[in-house]
PDB file of N, CA and C in Angstrom:
ATOM      1  N   UNK A   1      34.458  -1.053 -18.967  1.00  0.00           N
ATOM      2  CA  UNK A   1      34.723  -0.521 -17.651  1.00  0.00           C
ATOM      3  C   UNK A   1      33.417  -0.041 -17.023  1.00  0.00           C
ATOM      4  N   UNK A   2      33.176  -0.434 -15.787  1.00  0.00           N
ATOM      5  CA  UNK A   2      31.947  -0.087 -15.092  1.00  0.00           C
ATOM      6  C   UNK A   2      32.035   1.336 -14.529  1.00  0.00           C
ATOM      7  N   UNK A   3      30.980   2.126 -14.759  1.00  0.00           N
ATOM      8  CA  UNK A   3      30.929   3.491 -14.253  1.00  0.00           C
ATOM      9  C   UNK A   3      30.441   3.477 -12.804  1.00  0.00           C
ATOM     10  N   UNK A   4      31.128   4.218 -11.936  1.00  0.00           N
ATOM     11  CA  UNK A   4      30.761   4.289 -10.528  1.00  0.00           C
ATOM     12  C   UNK A   4      29.776   5.436 -10.334  1.00  0.00           C
ATOM     13  N   UNK A   5      28.673   5.147  -9.662  1.00  0.00           N
ATOM     14  CA  UNK A   5      27.649   6.148  -9.392  1.00  0.00           C
ATOM     15  C   UNK A   5      27.806   6.640  -7.962  1.00  0.00           C
ATOM     16  N   UNK A   6      27.932   7.954  -7.793  1.00  0.00           N
ATOM     17  CA  UNK A   6      28.031   8.533  -6.454  1.00  0.00           C
ATOM     18  C   UNK A   6      26.639   8.674  -5.870  1.00  0.00           C
ATOM     19  N   UNK A   7      26.463   8.127  -4.684  1.00  0.00           N
ATOM     20  CA  UNK A   7      25.194   8.262  -3.968  1.00  0.00           C
ATOM     21  C   UNK A   7      25.410   9.256  -2.839  1.00  0.00           C
ATOM     22  N   UNK A   8      24.438  10.137  -2.663  1.00  0.00           N
ATOM     23  CA  UNK A   8      24.537  11.182  -1.637  1.00  0.00           C
ATOM     24  C   UNK A   8      23.320  11.131  -0.730  1.00  0.00           C
ATOM     25  N   UNK A   9      23.551  11.374   0.557  1.00  0.00           N
ATOM     26  CA  UNK A   9      22.432  11.476   1.479  1.00  0.00           C
ATOM     27  C   UNK A   9      21.812  12.865   1.345  1.00  0.00           C
ATOM     28  N   UNK A  10      20.493  12.943   1.517  1.00  0.00           N
ATOM     29  CA  UNK A  10      19.763  14.199   1.423  1.00  0.00           C
ATOM     30  C   UNK A  10      19.596  14.719   2.856  1.00  0.00           C
ATOM     31  N   UNK A  11      20.391  15.723   3.215  1.00  0.00           N
ATOM     32  CA  UNK A  11      20.384  16.251   4.576  1.00  0.00           C
ATOM     33  C   UNK A  11      19.015  16.827   4.940  1.00  0.00           C
ATOM     34  N   UNK A  12      18.498  16.415   6.076  1.00  0.00           N
ATOM     35  CA  UNK A  12      17.237  16.939   6.577  1.00  0.00           C
ATOM     36  C   UNK A  12      15.997  16.305   5.976  1.00  0.00           C
ATOM     37  N   UNK A  13      16.168  15.355   5.066  1.00  0.00           N
ATOM     38  CA  UNK A  13      15.016  14.725   4.417  1.00  0.00           C
ATOM     39  C   UNK A  13      14.418  13.646   5.321  1.00  0.00           C
ATOM     40  N   UNK A  14      13.103  13.529   5.272  1.00  0.00           N
ATOM     41  CA  UNK A  14      12.376  12.524   6.047  1.00  0.00           C
ATOM     42  C   UNK A  14      11.760  11.529   5.076  1.00  0.00           C
ATOM     43  N   UNK A  15      11.978  10.256   5.338  1.00  0.00           N
ATOM     44  CA  UNK A  15      11.422   9.200   4.488  1.00  0.00           C
ATOM     45  C   UNK A  15       9.900   9.225   4.574  1.00  0.00           C
ATOM     46  N   UNK A  16       9.197   9.220   3.427  1.00  0.00           N
ATOM     47  CA  UNK A  16       7.732   9.254   3.456  1.00  0.00           C
ATOM     48  C   UNK A  16       7.108   7.968   4.004  1.00  0.00           C
ATOM     49  N   UNK A  17       7.857   6.872   4.041  1.00  0.00           N
ATOM     50  CA  UNK A  17       7.315   5.605   4.523  1.00  0.00           C
ATOM     51  C   UNK A  17       7.580   5.374   6.007  1.00  0.00           C
ATOM     52  N   UNK A  18       8.863   5.394   6.404  1.00  0.00           N
ATOM     53  CA  UNK A  18       9.196   5.077   7.801  1.00  0.00           C
ATOM     54  C   UNK A  18       9.358   6.314   8.681  1.00  0.00           C
ATOM     55  N   UNK A  19       9.313   7.505   8.070  1.00  0.00           N
ATOM     56  CA  UNK A  19       9.389   8.793   8.786  1.00  0.00           C
ATOM     57  C   UNK A  19      10.715   9.030   9.511  1.00  0.00           C
ATOM     58  N   UNK A  20      11.780   8.320   9.125  1.00  0.00           N
ATOM     59  CA  UNK A  20      13.098   8.510   9.725  1.00  0.00           C
ATOM     60  C   UNK A  20      13.810   9.680   9.061  1.00  0.00           C
ATOM     61  N   UNK A  21      14.546  10.436   9.841  1.00  0.00           N
ATOM     62  CA  UNK A  21      15.288  11.600   9.365  1.00  0.00           C
ATOM     63  C   UNK A  21      16.668  11.175   8.868  1.00  0.00           C
ATOM     64  N   UNK A  22      17.105  11.787   7.773  1.00  0.00           N
ATOM     65  CA  UNK A  22      18.451  11.582   7.215  1.00  0.00           C
ATOM     66  C   UNK A  22      18.743  10.145   6.797  1.00  0.00           C
ATOM     67  N   UNK A  23      17.755   9.461   6.240  1.00  0.00           N
ATOM     68  CA  UNK A  23      17.998   8.095   5.756  1.00  0.00           C
ATOM     69  C   UNK A  23      17.846   7.980   4.242  1.00  0.00           C
ATOM     70  N   UNK A  24      17.472   9.082   3.561  1.00  0.00           N
ATOM     71  CA  UNK A  24      17.287   9.045   2.107  1.00  0.00           C
ATOM     72  C   UNK A  24      18.584   9.362   1.386  1.00  0.00           C
ATOM     73  N   UNK A  25      18.921   8.531   0.399  1.00  0.00           N
ATOM     74  CA  UNK A  25      20.062   8.834  -0.454  1.00  0.00           C
ATOM     75  C   UNK A  25      19.570   9.065  -1.873  1.00  0.00           C
ATOM     76  N   UNK A  26      20.336   9.837  -2.645  1.00  0.00           N
ATOM     77  CA  UNK A  26      19.970  10.270  -3.988  1.00  0.00           C
ATOM     78  C   UNK A  26      21.119   9.974  -4.926  1.00  0.00           C
ATOM     79  N   UNK A  27      20.803   9.543  -6.154  1.00  0.00           N
ATOM     80  CA  UNK A  27      21.804   9.360  -7.191  1.00  0.00           C
ATOM     81  C   UNK A  27      21.132   9.383  -8.546  1.00  0.00           C
ATOM     82  N   UNK A  28      21.942   9.442  -9.580  1.00  0.00           N
ATOM     83  CA  UNK A  28      21.450   9.509 -10.952  1.00  0.00           C
ATOM     84  C   UNK A  28      21.919   8.289 -11.730  1.00  0.00           C
ATOM     85  N   UNK A  29      21.001   7.715 -12.508  1.00  0.00           N
ATOM     86  CA  UNK A  29      21.319   6.620 -13.414  1.00  0.00           C
ATOM     87  C   UNK A  29      20.760   7.017 -14.773  1.00  0.00           C
ATOM     88  N   UNK A  30      21.642   7.142 -15.757  1.00  0.00           N
ATOM     89  CA  UNK A  30      21.254   7.618 -17.092  1.00  0.00           C
ATOM     90  C   UNK A  30      20.518   8.950 -16.936  1.00  0.00           C
ATOM     91  N   UNK A  31      19.254   9.004 -17.327  1.00  0.00           N
ATOM     92  CA  UNK A  31      18.481  10.245 -17.200  1.00  0.00           C
ATOM     93  C   UNK A  31      17.399  10.117 -16.129  1.00  0.00           C
ATOM     94  N   UNK A  32      17.660   9.281 -15.138  1.00  0.00           N
ATOM     95  CA  UNK A  32      16.712   9.066 -14.049  1.00  0.00           C
ATOM     96  C   UNK A  32      17.345   9.483 -12.729  1.00  0.00           C
ATOM     97  N   UNK A  33      16.564  10.166 -11.882  1.00  0.00           N
ATOM     98  CA  UNK A  33      16.984  10.471 -10.526  1.00  0.00           C
ATOM     99  C   UNK A  33      16.388   9.408  -9.611  1.00  0.00           C
ATOM    100  N   UNK A  34      17.215   8.855  -8.754  1.00  0.00           N
ATOM    101  CA  UNK A  34      16.788   7.782  -7.870  1.00  0.00           C
ATOM    102  C   UNK A  34      16.882   8.244  -6.420  1.00  0.00           C
ATOM    103  N   UNK A  35      15.947   7.801  -5.585  1.00  0.00           N
ATOM    104  CA  UNK A  35      15.991   8.024  -4.148  1.00  0.00           C
ATOM    105  C   UNK A  35      15.714   6.693  -3.475  1.00  0.00           C
ATOM    106  N   UNK A  36      16.388   6.453  -2.359  1.00  0.00           N
ATOM    107  CA  UNK A  36      16.149   5.225  -1.618  1.00  0.00           C
ATOM    108  C   UNK A  36      16.412   5.464  -0.137  1.00  0.00           C
ATOM    109  N   UNK A  37      15.572   4.865   0.701  1.00  0.00           N
ATOM    110  CA  UNK A  37      15.760   4.936   2.141  1.00  0.00           C
ATOM    111  C   UNK A  37      16.612   3.749   2.574  1.00  0.00           C
ATOM    112  N   UNK A  38      17.694   4.014   3.298  1.00  0.00           N
ATOM    113  CA  UNK A  38      18.578   2.940   3.737  1.00  0.00           C
ATOM    114  C   UNK A  38      17.995   2.188   4.934  1.00  0.00           C
ATOM    115  N   UNK A  39      16.964   2.742   5.551  1.00  0.00           N
ATOM    116  CA  UNK A  39      16.352   2.121   6.726  1.00  0.00           C
ATOM    117  C   UNK A  39      15.260   1.119   6.335  1.00  0.00           C
ATOM    118  N   UNK A  40      14.305   1.556   5.484  1.00  0.00           N
ATOM    119  CA  UNK A  40      13.148   0.703   5.176  1.00  0.00           C
ATOM    120  C   UNK A  40      13.118   0.185   3.735  1.00  0.00           C
ATOM    121  N   UNK A  41      13.981   0.730   2.853  1.00  0.00           N
ATOM    122  CA  UNK A  41      14.014   0.265   1.469  1.00  0.00           C
ATOM    123  C   UNK A  41      13.096   1.011   0.521  1.00  0.00           C
ATOM    124  N   UNK A  42      12.353   2.010   1.017  1.00  0.00           N
ATOM    125  CA  UNK A  42      11.508   2.825   0.140  1.00  0.00           C
ATOM    126  C   UNK A  42      12.356   3.344  -1.019  1.00  0.00           C
ATOM    127  N   UNK A  43      11.802   3.338  -2.230  1.00  0.00           N
ATOM    128  CA  UNK A  43      12.534   3.897  -3.368  1.00  0.00           C
ATOM    129  C   UNK A  43      11.590   4.643  -4.292  1.00  0.00           C
ATOM    130  N   UNK A  44      12.167   5.612  -4.974  1.00  0.00           N
ATOM    131  CA  UNK A  44      11.417   6.429  -5.930  1.00  0.00           C
ATOM    132  C   UNK A  44      12.358   6.766  -7.068  1.00  0.00           C
ATOM    133  N   UNK A  45      11.823   6.779  -8.278  1.00  0.00           N
ATOM    134  CA  UNK A  45      12.616   7.222  -9.419  1.00  0.00           C
ATOM    135  C   UNK A  45      11.779   8.136 -10.281  1.00  0.00           C
ATOM    136  N   UNK A  46      12.465   9.094 -10.901  1.00  0.00           N
ATOM    137  CA  UNK A  46      11.776  10.033 -11.798  1.00  0.00           C
ATOM    138  C   UNK A  46      12.748  10.547 -12.832  1.00  0.00           C
ATOM    139  N   UNK A  47      12.191  10.971 -13.953  1.00  0.00           N
ATOM    140  CA  UNK A  47      13.034  11.475 -15.037  1.00  0.00           C
ATOM    141  C   UNK A  47      13.507  12.884 -14.713  1.00  0.00           C
ATOM    142  N   UNK A  48      14.613  13.302 -15.309  1.00  0.00           N
ATOM    143  CA  UNK A  48      15.173  14.636 -15.094  1.00  0.00           C
ATOM    144  C   UNK A  48      14.173  15.739 -15.399  1.00  0.00           C
ATOM    145  N   UNK A  49      13.408  15.602 -16.455  1.00  0.00           N
ATOM    146  CA  UNK A  49      12.501  16.657 -16.907  1.00  0.00           C
ATOM    147  C   UNK A  49      11.427  16.981 -15.869  1.00  0.00           C
ATOM    148  N   UNK A  50      10.938  15.972 -15.156  1.00  0.00           N
ATOM    149  CA  UNK A  50       9.864  16.220 -14.199  1.00  0.00           C
ATOM    150  C   UNK A  50      10.374  16.330 -12.769  1.00  0.00           C
ATOM    151  N   UNK A  51      11.670  16.307 -12.571  1.00  0.00           N
ATOM    152  CA  UNK A  51      12.214  16.203 -11.222  1.00  0.00           C
ATOM    153  C   UNK A  51      12.071  17.457 -10.383  1.00  0.00           C
ATOM    154  N   UNK A  52      11.974  18.640 -10.992  1.00  0.00           N
ATOM    155  CA  UNK A  52      11.907  19.834 -10.154  1.00  0.00           C
ATOM    156  C   UNK A  52      10.519  20.048  -9.559  1.00  0.00           C
ATOM    157  N   UNK A  53       9.461  19.582 -10.224  1.00  0.00           N
ATOM    158  CA  UNK A  53       8.118  19.665  -9.680  1.00  0.00           C
ATOM    159  C   UNK A  53       7.600  21.079  -9.463  1.00  0.00           C
ATOM    160  N   UNK A  54       8.109  22.051 -10.181  1.00  0.00           N
ATOM    161  CA  UNK A  54       7.716  23.440 -10.007  1.00  0.00           C
ATOM    162  C   UNK A  54       6.789  23.883 -11.130  1.00  0.00           C
ATOM    163  N   UNK A  55       5.812  24.726 -10.783  1.00  0.00           N
ATOM    164  CA  UNK A  55       4.941  25.256 -11.825  1.00  0.00           C
ATOM    165  C   UNK A  55       5.627  26.430 -12.543  1.00  0.00           C
ATOM    166  N   UNK A  56       5.050  26.890 -13.648  1.00  0.00           N
ATOM    167  CA  UNK A  56       5.674  27.936 -14.472  1.00  0.00           C
ATOM    168  C   UNK A  56       5.842  29.250 -13.720  1.00  0.00           C
ATOM    169  N   UNK A  57       4.863  29.633 -12.900  1.00  0.00           N
ATOM    170  CA  UNK A  57       4.953  30.893 -12.159  1.00  0.00           C
ATOM    171  C   UNK A  57       6.126  30.861 -11.178  1.00  0.00           C
ATOM    172  N   UNK A  58       6.305  29.734 -10.499  1.00  0.00           N
ATOM    173  CA  UNK A  58       7.419  29.583  -9.562  1.00  0.00           C
ATOM    174  C   UNK A  58       8.744  29.628 -10.305  1.00  0.00           C
ATOM    175  N   UNK A  59       8.831  28.983 -11.453  1.00  0.00           N
ATOM    176  CA  UNK A  59      10.069  28.963 -12.233  1.00  0.00           C
ATOM    177  C   UNK A  59      10.483  30.366 -12.674  1.00  0.00           C
ATOM    178  N   UNK A  60       9.500  31.219 -12.981  1.00  0.00           N
ATOM    179  CA  UNK A  60       9.797  32.586 -13.406  1.00  0.00           C
ATOM    180  C   UNK A  60      10.477  33.389 -12.310  1.00  0.00           C
ATOM    181  N   UNK A  61      10.146  33.120 -11.051  1.00  0.00           N
ATOM    182  CA  UNK A  61      10.694  33.898  -9.941  1.00  0.00           C
ATOM    183  C   UNK A  61      11.997  33.332  -9.385  1.00  0.00           C
ATOM    184  N   UNK A  62      12.431  32.183  -9.879  1.00  0.00           N
ATOM    185  CA  UNK A  62      13.656  31.569  -9.391  1.00  0.00           C
ATOM    186  C   UNK A  62      14.892  32.151 -10.049  1.00  0.00           C
ATOM    187  N   UNK A  63      15.943  32.234  -9.276  1.00  0.00           N
ATOM    188  CA  UNK A  63      17.233  32.642  -9.826  1.00  0.00           C
ATOM    189  C   UNK A  63      17.933  31.410 -10.405  1.00  0.00           C
ATOM    190  N   UNK A  64      17.853  30.306  -9.700  1.00  0.00           N
ATOM    191  CA  UNK A  64      18.468  29.073 -10.178  1.00  0.00           C
ATOM    192  C   UNK A  64      18.128  27.916  -9.271  1.00  0.00           C
ATOM    193  N   UNK A  65      18.341  26.702  -9.749  1.00  0.00           N
ATOM    194  CA  UNK A  65      18.118  25.488  -8.980  1.00  0.00           C
ATOM    195  C   UNK A  65      19.439  24.755  -8.887  1.00  0.00           C
ATOM    196  N   UNK A  66      19.869  24.442  -7.670  1.00  0.00           N
ATOM    197  CA  UNK A  66      21.113  23.715  -7.455  1.00  0.00           C
ATOM    198  C   UNK A  66      20.909  22.253  -7.778  1.00  0.00           C
ATOM    199  N   UNK A  67      21.722  21.714  -8.676  1.00  0.00           N
ATOM    200  CA  UNK A  67      21.680  20.295  -9.010  1.00  0.00           C
ATOM    201  C   UNK A  67      23.088  19.734  -8.858  1.00  0.00           C
ATOM    202  N   UNK A  68      23.332  18.898  -7.852  1.00  0.00           N
ATOM    203  CA  UNK A  68      24.671  18.323  -7.681  1.00  0.00           C
ATOM    204  C   UNK A  68      25.039  17.447  -8.861  1.00  0.00           C
ATOM    205  N   UNK A  69      26.320  17.405  -9.159  1.00  0.00           N
ATOM    206  CA  UNK A  69      26.774  16.611 -10.316  1.00  0.00           C
ATOM    207  C   UNK A  69      27.277  15.282  -9.893  1.00  0.00           C
TER     208      UNK A  69
END
């Protein structure tokens, strides 16, 4: 049975390539986070471990990070 992956648009996000607003969608495949622009086809993928991009000092001051399921 094929697993269905939910793709979500990232509200307020601007594509780094075409500079269009609200065209980036996000989803997860295995342990990879994927992003893709529906306008120009730009895509990016990264592993869960490096996805937050925060340094240790910033992490200490955070209460939590919202991660949609």
